[in-house]
């Protein structure tokens, strides 16, 4: 795993900890089960989804996936 990807994975864990903690309750409360949002960076997309009442954050390559999850060639 390259250095940037490791850093993005670390950031995803921090977002997940924050959203599942006391300060993130309002954000999760505003989402229905299965709903989510995306955070775009230069090369990656962090996808936040509410699953079983908890925030799950996944990092995906931005080049191969757009914010809806559809396959694309370039953004």
Protein backbone atom coordinates (compact mmCIF):
# COMPACT_ATOMS: atom_id res chain seq x y z
CA UNK A 1 0.00 0.00 0.00
CA UNK A 2 1.46 3.33 -0.99
CA UNK A 3 2.07 6.08 1.55
CA UNK A 4 -0.85 8.26 0.40
CA UNK A 5 -3.30 5.37 0.53
CA UNK A 6 -2.18 4.49 4.05
CA UNK A 7 -2.75 8.10 5.10
CA UNK A 8 -6.24 8.10 3.54
CA UNK A 9 -7.07 4.85 5.35
CA UNK A 10 -5.91 6.47 8.60
CA UNK A 11 -8.11 9.50 7.92
CA UNK A 12 -11.07 7.21 7.18
CA UNK A 13 -10.61 5.53 10.58
CA UNK A 14 -10.50 8.96 12.26
CA UNK A 15 -13.71 10.03 10.50
CA UNK A 16 -15.35 6.75 11.51
CA UNK A 17 -14.29 7.20 15.15
CA UNK A 18 -15.56 10.79 15.14
CA UNK A 19 -18.90 9.96 13.52
CA UNK A 20 -19.50 7.04 15.88
CA UNK A 21 -18.59 9.13 18.93
CA UNK A 22 -20.64 11.68 20.85
CA UNK A 23 -19.92 14.57 18.47
CA UNK A 24 -21.00 12.65 15.37
CA UNK A 25 -24.41 11.60 16.69
CA UNK A 26 -26.20 14.50 14.97
CA UNK A 27 -24.73 13.55 11.61
CA UNK A 28 -25.73 9.89 11.99
CA UNK A 29 -29.15 10.84 13.31
CA UNK A 30 -29.74 12.78 10.07
CA UNK A 31 -29.03 9.72 7.92
CA UNK A 32 -31.41 6.87 7.31
CA UNK A 33 -30.10 3.32 7.39
CA UNK A 34 -28.12 2.69 4.20
CA UNK A 35 -27.79 6.40 3.36
CA UNK A 36 -24.46 8.10 3.17
CA UNK A 37 -22.28 10.77 1.63
CA UNK A 38 -18.92 11.03 -0.07
CA UNK A 39 -15.85 13.13 0.62
CA UNK A 40 -13.76 13.71 -2.48
CA UNK A 41 -10.01 14.16 -2.41
CA UNK A 42 -7.58 14.53 -5.27
CA UNK A 43 -7.20 10.79 -5.89
CA UNK A 44 -9.69 9.05 -3.60
CA UNK A 45 -13.29 9.06 -2.45
CA UNK A 46 -14.16 8.45 1.19
CA UNK A 47 -17.64 6.93 1.23
CA UNK A 48 -19.51 7.25 4.52
CA UNK A 49 -22.53 4.98 4.97
CA UNK A 50 -24.82 4.34 7.93
CA UNK A 51 -24.95 0.59 8.50
CA UNK A 52 -26.67 -0.97 11.52
CA UNK A 53 -26.74 2.45 13.18
CA UNK A 54 -22.99 3.02 12.83
CA UNK A 55 -20.87 5.00 10.39
CA UNK A 56 -18.75 2.94 8.03
CA UNK A 57 -16.07 4.79 6.04
CA UNK A 58 -14.46 3.21 2.99
CA UNK A 59 -11.71 4.60 0.78
CA UNK A 60 -11.95 3.99 -2.97
CA UNK A 61 -9.90 5.22 -5.91
CA UNK A 62 -11.55 8.28 -7.42
CA UNK A 63 -10.43 7.43 -10.95
CA UNK A 64 -12.43 4.20 -11.09
CA UNK A 65 -15.52 5.27 -9.12
CA UNK A 66 -17.65 8.39 -9.07
CA UNK A 67 -19.64 9.53 -6.02
CA UNK A 68 -22.68 7.44 -7.01
CA UNK A 69 -20.57 4.30 -7.31
CA UNK A 70 -20.85 4.17 -11.11
CA UNK A 71 -17.81 3.18 -13.09
CA UNK A 72 -16.17 6.09 -14.95
CA UNK A 73 -12.98 6.73 -16.81
CA UNK A 74 -12.12 10.21 -15.55
CA UNK A 75 -13.50 12.95 -13.28
